[in-house]
Protein backbone atom coordinates (compact mmCIF):
# COMPACT_ATOMS: atom_id res chain seq x y z
CA MET A 1 15.20 -21.61 -3.53
CA PRO A 2 15.81 -18.01 -4.83
CA ILE A 3 12.14 -16.89 -3.92
CA VAL A 4 12.28 -18.59 -0.23
CA THR A 5 15.54 -17.29 0.46
CA SER A 6 14.74 -13.46 -0.47
CA LEU A 7 11.32 -13.67 1.47
CA LEU A 8 13.08 -15.02 4.54
CA ASP A 9 15.93 -12.44 4.23
CA GLY A 10 13.39 -9.80 3.86
CA VAL A 11 11.48 -11.18 7.17
CA ARG A 12 14.93 -10.69 8.52
CA ARG A 13 15.08 -7.19 7.42
CA VAL A 14 11.76 -6.06 8.75
CA ILE A 15 12.39 -7.77 11.94
CA ARG A 16 15.42 -6.20 12.42
CA ALA A 17 14.35 -2.53 12.20
CA PRO A 18 11.30 -2.68 14.24
CA VAL A 19 11.38 1.17 14.32
CA ILE A 20 10.45 1.67 10.57
CA LEU A 21 7.11 -0.15 11.08
CA ALA A 22 6.46 1.73 14.18
CA GLY A 23 7.32 5.14 11.94
CA ALA A 24 5.14 3.88 9.20
CA THR A 25 2.24 3.33 11.57
CA ALA A 26 2.47 6.69 13.28
CA LEU A 27 2.43 8.20 9.21
CA THR A 28 -0.50 6.48 8.53
CA VAL A 29 -2.52 7.18 11.94
CA LEU A 30 -1.32 10.87 11.55
CA LEU A 31 -2.80 11.50 7.97
CA ALA A 32 -6.17 9.35 9.30
CA VAL A 33 -6.74 10.87 12.53
CA PRO A 34 -7.64 14.44 10.82
CA LEU A 35 -9.94 13.14 8.40
CA GLY A 36 -11.53 10.70 11.22
CA LEU A 37 -12.19 14.01 13.77
CA LEU A 38 -13.80 15.75 10.73
CA LEU A 39 -15.97 12.92 9.87
CA ARG A 40 -16.77 12.84 13.96
CA GLY A 41 -17.69 16.47 13.79
CA GLU A 42 -20.03 16.09 10.78
CA LEU A 43 -21.75 13.04 12.83
CA GLU A 44 -22.06 14.65 15.95
CA THR A 45 -23.67 17.69 14.44
CA ALA A 46 -26.04 15.45 12.27
CA LEU A 47 -27.45 13.05 15.27
CA GLY A 48 -27.24 15.57 18.42
CA ASP A 49 -28.60 13.84 21.23
CA SER A 50 -31.47 12.49 19.58
CA VAL A 51 -33.17 8.65 19.94
CA VAL A 52 -31.18 7.68 16.80
CA ALA A 53 -27.86 8.17 18.52
CA ASP A 54 -28.67 5.84 20.82
CA ALA A 55 -29.94 3.40 18.18
CA MET A 56 -26.55 3.98 16.43
CA ALA A 57 -24.16 3.42 19.43
CA ASP A 58 -26.05 0.39 19.70
CA GLY A 59 -26.10 -0.77 16.01
CA PHE A 60 -27.29 1.02 13.02
CA ALA A 61 -30.10 2.85 11.95
CA TRP A 62 -30.76 2.26 8.48
CA GLU A 63 -33.25 4.71 7.95
CA TRP A 64 -31.37 8.28 9.20
CA TRP A 65 -28.39 6.82 7.40
CA ARG A 66 -30.21 6.85 4.26
CA GLN A 67 -31.89 10.06 4.64
CA PHE A 68 -27.94 11.43 5.93
CA PHE A 69 -26.22 9.85 3.33
CA GLY A 70 -28.58 11.57 0.13
CA GLN A 71 -28.13 14.98 2.06
CA ALA A 72 -24.09 14.32 2.85
CA THR A 73 -21.46 16.34 0.71
CA GLY A 74 -17.72 15.74 1.30
CA LEU A 75 -16.10 13.73 3.47
CA GLY A 76 -19.72 12.92 4.92
CA ARG A 77 -20.11 10.69 1.74
CA SER A 78 -17.34 8.46 2.87
CA PHE A 79 -19.81 7.01 5.91
CA THR A 80 -21.21 4.29 4.02
CA ILE A 81 -22.55 1.01 4.96
CA SER A 82 -18.78 -0.92 4.24
CA VAL A 83 -17.46 1.63 6.68
CA ILE A 84 -16.91 -1.09 9.35
CA GLY A 85 -15.00 -4.22 9.34
CA PHE A 86 -13.63 -6.58 6.90
CA ALA A 87 -16.53 -4.98 4.40
CA ALA A 88 -13.89 -1.42 4.00
CA VAL A 89 -11.82 -3.65 2.67
CA LEU A 90 -13.86 -5.34 0.00
CA ASP A 91 -15.35 -1.54 -0.95
CA ASN A 92 -11.75 -0.42 -1.55
CA VAL A 93 -11.14 -3.11 -3.60
CA SER A 94 -14.20 -3.20 -6.01
CA ALA A 95 -13.27 0.96 -5.83
CA LEU A 96 -9.90 -0.21 -7.03
CA LEU A 97 -10.87 -2.58 -10.20
CA ASP A 98 -13.87 -0.82 -11.63
CA GLY A 99 -11.77 2.56 -10.99
CA ASP A 100 -14.40 4.58 -9.19
CA GLY A 101 -13.62 7.90 -7.91
CA GLN A 102 -13.87 9.54 -4.32
CA GLU A 103 -14.61 12.32 -3.05
CA PRO A 104 -11.94 15.21 -3.36
CA VAL A 105 -10.78 15.77 0.19
CA ILE A 106 -10.06 12.02 0.47
CA VAL A 107 -8.32 11.93 -2.70
CA GLY A 108 -6.26 15.42 -1.20
CA VAL A 109 -5.74 12.90 1.52
CA VAL A 110 -4.66 9.82 -0.02
CA LEU A 111 -2.45 11.84 -2.70
CA THR A 112 -0.65 13.66 0.55
CA TYR A 113 -0.15 9.99 1.97
CA ILE A 114 1.11 9.09 -1.19
CA ILE A 115 3.82 11.61 -1.48
CA VAL A 116 4.69 11.35 2.30
CA TRP A 117 4.99 7.58 2.07
CA THR A 118 7.22 7.95 -0.99
CA VAL A 119 9.88 10.27 0.63
CA PHE A 120 9.68 7.62 3.54
CA ALA A 121 10.23 4.95 1.19
CA GLY A 122 13.51 6.66 0.07
CA GLY A 123 14.93 5.63 3.93
CA VAL A 124 12.98 2.70 4.23
CA LEU A 125 14.58 1.31 1.20
CA ASP A 126 17.88 2.56 2.01
CA ARG A 127 18.02 1.09 5.31
CA TYR A 128 16.86 -2.31 4.41
CA ALA A 129 19.60 -2.54 1.32
CA ARG A 130 22.45 -1.32 4.18
CA ASN A 131 20.68 -3.90 6.12
CA ARG A 132 22.06 -2.29 9.74
CA ALA A 133 21.06 0.59 11.61
CA THR A 134 22.00 3.89 10.20
CA ARG A 135 20.35 5.91 12.92
CA SER A 136 17.88 8.57 12.46
CA ALA A 137 20.39 10.95 11.13
CA GLY A 138 21.24 8.52 8.21
CA PHE A 139 17.87 7.57 7.55
CA PHE A 140 16.28 10.88 7.07
CA SER A 141 19.49 11.90 5.22
CA ALA A 142 18.47 8.94 2.82
CA CYS A 143 14.79 10.26 3.12
CA GLY A 144 15.72 13.64 2.11
CA LEU A 145 18.26 12.59 -0.84
CA TYR A 146 16.09 9.44 -2.26
CA GLY A 147 13.10 11.04 -1.54
CA SER A 148 12.99 13.56 -4.21
CA ARG A 149 14.07 11.55 -6.60
CA LEU A 150 11.35 8.57 -5.89
CA LEU A 151 8.92 11.48 -6.10
CA ARG A 152 9.86 12.16 -9.67
CA LEU A 153 9.39 8.23 -10.61
CA ALA A 154 5.79 8.71 -8.82
CA ILE A 155 5.03 10.90 -11.33
CA VAL A 156 5.70 8.96 -14.08
CA ALA A 157 4.41 6.07 -12.35
CA GLY A 158 0.86 8.02 -11.82
CA LEU A 159 0.88 8.84 -15.75
CA THR A 160 1.26 5.06 -16.05
CA TYR A 161 -1.47 4.24 -14.14
CA GLY A 162 -3.41 7.20 -15.14
CA PHE A 163 -3.41 5.57 -18.80
CA LEU A 164 -4.11 1.71 -17.20
CA PHE A 165 -7.22 3.75 -15.37
CA GLY A 166 -8.47 5.83 -18.13
CA VAL A 167 -7.88 4.27 -21.45
CA VAL A 168 -7.11 0.38 -20.62
CA HIS A 169 -9.76 -0.12 -18.38
CA GLY A 170 -12.45 1.77 -20.19
CA TRP A 171 -11.40 -0.59 -22.98
CA LEU A 172 -11.38 -3.70 -21.38
CA LEU A 173 -14.68 -3.34 -19.13
CA ASP A 174 -16.80 -1.29 -21.47
CA ASP A 175 -15.88 -1.84 -24.92
CA LEU A 176 -14.57 -4.78 -25.24
CA TYR A 177 -16.76 -6.51 -22.60
CA GLU A 178 -19.66 -5.11 -24.79
CA ALA A 179 -18.31 -6.71 -27.77
CA MET A 180 -17.90 -9.93 -26.31
CA THR A 181 -20.91 -10.33 -24.69
CA ARG A 182 -23.63 -8.68 -27.12
CA ASN A 183 -25.14 -12.15 -28.34
CA LEU A 184 -24.46 -13.90 -25.25
CA THR A 185 -27.92 -15.12 -23.28
CA VAL A 186 -26.69 -16.98 -20.50
CA GLU A 187 -25.77 -14.75 -17.22
CA ARG A 188 -23.11 -16.87 -16.09
CA GLN A 189 -20.97 -16.64 -19.18
CA ALA A 190 -21.32 -12.66 -19.32
CA PHE A 191 -20.25 -13.11 -15.59
CA ALA A 192 -17.22 -15.46 -16.68
CA VAL A 193 -16.09 -12.82 -19.07
CA ARG A 194 -16.30 -10.15 -16.96
CA VAL A 195 -14.31 -12.35 -14.59
CA VAL A 196 -11.56 -12.87 -17.17
CA LEU A 197 -11.54 -9.54 -18.11
CA TYR A 198 -10.96 -8.14 -14.65
CA LEU A 199 -7.98 -11.07 -14.24
CA VAL A 200 -6.38 -9.52 -17.57
CA PHE A 201 -6.60 -6.03 -15.74
CA GLY A 202 -5.70 -7.08 -12.55
CA LEU A 203 -2.43 -8.85 -14.25
CA THR A 204 -1.66 -5.90 -15.90
CA LEU A 205 -1.89 -3.80 -13.04
CA ALA A 206 0.60 -6.32 -10.99
CA ALA A 207 3.17 -6.27 -13.93
CA VAL A 208 2.96 -2.48 -14.19
CA SER A 209 3.37 -2.86 -10.35
CA LEU A 210 6.52 -5.32 -10.63
CA VAL A 211 8.24 -3.30 -12.90
CA PHE A 212 8.03 -0.10 -10.81
CA ASP A 213 8.73 -1.87 -7.64
CA TYR A 214 12.32 -2.57 -8.98
CA ALA A 215 12.83 0.42 -10.53
CA ARG A 216 12.44 2.39 -7.02
CA VAL A 217 14.77 -0.72 -5.76
CA ARG A 218 17.34 0.15 -8.22
CA ALA A 219 16.92 4.19 -8.04
CA VAL A 220 18.21 3.55 -4.13
CA VAL A 221 20.52 0.83 -4.09
CA GLU A 222 22.58 1.71 -7.17
CA ASP A 223 22.18 5.48 -6.08
CA ARG A 224 20.25 6.21 -9.81
CA ARG A 225 19.41 9.85 -10.47
CA SER A 226 17.53 9.55 -13.93
CA MET A 227 14.41 7.72 -12.80
CA LEU A 228 13.47 6.87 -16.59
CA GLY A 229 16.71 4.39 -16.59
CA ALA A 230 15.77 3.18 -13.26
CA VAL A 231 12.35 2.53 -14.49
CA VAL A 232 14.51 0.94 -18.20
CA ALA A 233 16.59 -1.04 -15.65
CA GLY A 234 13.29 -2.46 -13.65
CA TRP A 235 11.93 -3.78 -16.64
CA ARG A 236 15.30 -5.19 -17.84
CA PHE A 237 15.71 -7.17 -14.11
CA VAL A 238 12.35 -8.10 -14.36
CA ARG A 239 12.52 -9.68 -17.89
CA ARG A 240 15.62 -11.37 -17.31
CA ARG A 241 13.88 -13.30 -14.16
CA PRO A 242 10.73 -12.96 -15.01
CA VAL A 243 9.17 -16.67 -13.10
CA THR A 244 11.60 -15.38 -9.67
CA CYS A 245 10.43 -11.56 -9.74
CA ALA A 246 6.83 -12.70 -10.18
CA GLY A 247 6.84 -15.80 -7.86
CA LEU A 248 8.44 -13.07 -5.20
CA TYR A 249 5.53 -10.83 -6.35
CA LEU A 250 2.78 -13.79 -5.92
CA VAL A 251 4.48 -15.05 -2.58
CA ASN A 252 4.29 -11.25 -1.19
CA GLY A 253 1.08 -11.13 -2.15
CA LEU A 254 -0.30 -14.55 -0.52
CA VAL A 255 1.31 -12.85 2.79
CA LEU A 256 -1.10 -9.97 1.88
CA LEU A 257 -3.87 -11.70 1.42
CA ALA A 258 -3.51 -13.99 4.29
CA VAL A 259 -3.40 -10.75 6.43
CA MET A 260 -6.70 -9.76 4.93
CA ALA A 261 -8.19 -13.08 5.44
CA ALA A 262 -7.49 -13.43 9.06
CA TYR A 263 -9.08 -10.10 9.34
CA ALA A 264 -12.12 -10.94 7.65
CA LEU A 265 -12.30 -13.93 10.49
CA VAL A 266 -12.09 -11.73 13.87
CA ALA A 267 -13.17 -8.70 12.13
CA PRO A 268 -16.20 -7.39 14.10
CA GLY A 269 -19.45 -4.95 12.88
CA ALA A 270 -20.53 -2.55 14.47
CA ALA A 271 -20.89 -2.85 18.54
CA SER A 272 -21.86 -0.62 21.34
CA THR A 273 -20.07 1.04 23.88
CA GLY A 274 -17.48 0.26 26.56
CA PRO A 275 -15.31 -2.91 25.84
CA SER A 276 -16.78 -4.04 22.63
CA MET A 277 -16.18 -0.67 21.14
CA TRP A 278 -12.60 -0.39 21.71
CA LEU A 279 -12.11 -4.43 20.63
CA VAL A 280 -13.35 -3.29 17.32
CA PHE A 281 -10.68 -0.11 17.43
CA LEU A 282 -7.78 -2.67 18.77
CA ILE A 283 -8.60 -5.23 15.73
CA GLY A 284 -8.70 -2.66 13.37
CA GLN A 285 -5.65 -1.29 14.29
CA ALA A 286 -3.97 -4.49 14.14
CA TYR A 287 -5.00 -4.77 10.83
CA VAL A 288 -3.47 -2.03 9.78
CA VAL A 289 -0.05 -2.52 11.29
CA ALA A 290 0.08 -6.04 9.97
CA ARG A 291 -0.96 -4.70 6.29
CA LEU A 292 2.18 -1.91 6.73
CA ALA A 293 4.45 -4.81 7.71
CA SER A 294 3.26 -7.31 4.40
CA LYS A 295 3.82 -3.81 2.58
CA LEU A 296 7.39 -3.52 4.26
CA LEU A 297 8.00 -7.04 3.69
CA PHE A 298 7.39 -6.35 -0.17
CA TYR A 299 9.99 -3.78 0.03
CA ALA A 300 12.61 -5.57 1.91
CA ALA A 301 12.38 -8.80 -0.04
CA GLU A 302 12.62 -7.17 -3.22
CA VAL A 303 15.57 -5.46 -2.14
CA ALA A 304 17.19 -8.95 -0.64
CA TYR A 305 16.38 -10.67 -3.77
CA PHE A 306 17.92 -7.47 -5.96
CA GLN A 307 21.10 -7.33 -4.05
CA SER A 308 21.40 -11.62 -4.20
CA GLN A 309 21.35 -11.30 -7.85
CA LEU A 310 23.55 -7.94 -8.79
CA ALA A 311 24.57 -6.20 -5.62
CA HIS A 312 28.00 -4.99 -4.62
CA ALA A 313 30.00 -2.86 -1.77
CA GLY A 314 29.71 0.03 -3.66
CA TYR A 315 25.67 -0.24 -4.50
CA VAL A 316 24.33 1.84 -1.43
CA ALA A 317 26.33 4.84 -2.14
CA ALA A 318 24.23 7.42 0.34
CA PRO A 319 24.08 9.13 2.70
CA ALA A 320 27.70 8.87 3.54
CA PRO A 321 28.22 6.77 6.82
CA VAL A 322 29.72 8.73 9.90
CA TRP A 323 31.70 7.52 13.26
CA PRO A 324 30.99 5.15 14.88
CA GLU A 325 28.27 3.92 12.41
CA SER A 326 30.32 3.63 9.55
CA PRO A 327 31.32 0.01 7.78
CA SER A 328 35.16 0.90 8.62
CA ALA A 329 34.61 1.65 12.38
CA GLU A 330 32.42 -1.94 12.57
CA ALA A 331 35.36 -3.56 11.02
CA LEU A 332 37.90 -2.24 14.07
CA GLY A 333 35.04 -3.18 16.44
CA ARG A 334 34.99 -6.81 15.41
CA LEU A 335 39.00 -6.79 15.14
CA GLY A 336 38.83 -5.58 18.85
């Protein structure tokens, strides 16, 4: 089956390039650490050497947190009761589906992460498309070449998602929901309507995400310069193979859900100082690495499937291979 074959091929490509996962992890940590240090400074100032500080170290001081959160601004408002363990994952999913806004400082960091990750993705997709080592020079050359193009594609994607969350989300979950439940007297029926509308919005997001995924793949694998052309090409590819594209996307999504479920089973809550605190930290970092691996699997599996359908030797055109990493050098090496 193409889905299974592409998924397994994607797994192999991810495993063969562990340095990409290491780089993605380092990128995430580098952008998260400054936020953590700033929040740590705010909490340290608020707690000081008080008795409440000891209570927070051993568990959670509810009354202190209510007072702190009521006065907090900026980054301090991200210190919620769902900041630890699997509750943080659920909180992020809920915020996404409800279209809730975030504090400006967090939005700024997220936008920075998206920009840097988009440039990084140019090298990642190129490496997975070549399915052989490109070394650091080739990888960063691909980041520079394709990164600028993918940033233009990200602007198109951002405008599209902005329309979905700014217009479609409000129409579905506010206007349409109110119209459909206005005369309902049974609460569970209203809840069922809400769930269906969430599902419709989620499927719409998934469909749009799928098109942009293959637009990115085609932009890199085919060395496209027009990102609007890449979007159209991505839509055509998905339209002609809807079952396999959606099936592969679903399987990749199930892998992500499995990672989240595993984290839900082992994610600890607030812990005391010492070994328990480090256990919380290590489990959280393991989840971050697994989450990034599943994201890279999305890229690798979609590249593998696209190449199994349309690829030919000239599709990956840049960066130009140099000795001793060119295909000619590899062929001569095999002959020798």
